[in-house]
Structures are given as structure tokens and as C-alpha cells.
Amino acid sequence: MTWLAGLCAVGLFVYLFYALVKPERF
């Protein structure tokens, strides 16, 4: 399922983005 792989990739990028932008929340 390509859409599932894409969804997982997007979720991972979003998680990393927030982890880098708002490190005080982790």
C-alpha cells in the first residue's frame, strides 16, 4: 500500500519537525 507508506513517512517528518522546532516539549 503506497498510501500507507506515504502516510507513515509524513507522520515521521512531522514528528521530527516538531521535535526540532519545539525541543522544550520533549
Protein backbone atom coordinates (compact mmCIF):
# COMPACT_ATOMS: atom_id res chain seq x y z
CA MET A 1 0.00 0.00 0.00
CA THR A 2 1.80 3.10 -1.24
CA TRP A 3 -0.59 5.46 0.55
CA LEU A 4 0.16 3.77 3.86
CA ALA A 5 3.92 4.11 3.36
CA GLY A 6 3.45 7.77 2.40
CA LEU A 7 1.32 8.39 5.48
CA CYS A 8 3.97 6.86 7.74
CA ALA A 9 6.69 8.96 6.08
CA VAL A 10 4.65 12.16 6.51
CA GLY A 11 3.96 11.36 10.15
CA LEU A 12 7.66 10.74 10.79
CA PHE A 13 8.70 14.02 9.14
CA VAL A 14 6.06 15.94 11.12
CA TYR A 15 7.26 14.34 14.37
CA LEU A 16 10.89 15.20 13.62
CA PHE A 17 9.91 18.75 12.57
CA TYR A 18 8.14 19.41 15.88
CA ALA A 19 10.97 17.76 17.83
CA LEU A 20 13.47 20.18 16.22
CA VAL A 21 11.28 23.30 16.38
CA LYS A 22 9.91 22.78 19.90
CA PRO A 23 12.52 20.75 21.84
CA GLU A 24 11.23 22.14 25.15
CA ARG A 25 8.11 19.98 24.79
CA PHE A 26 10.11 16.73 24.75
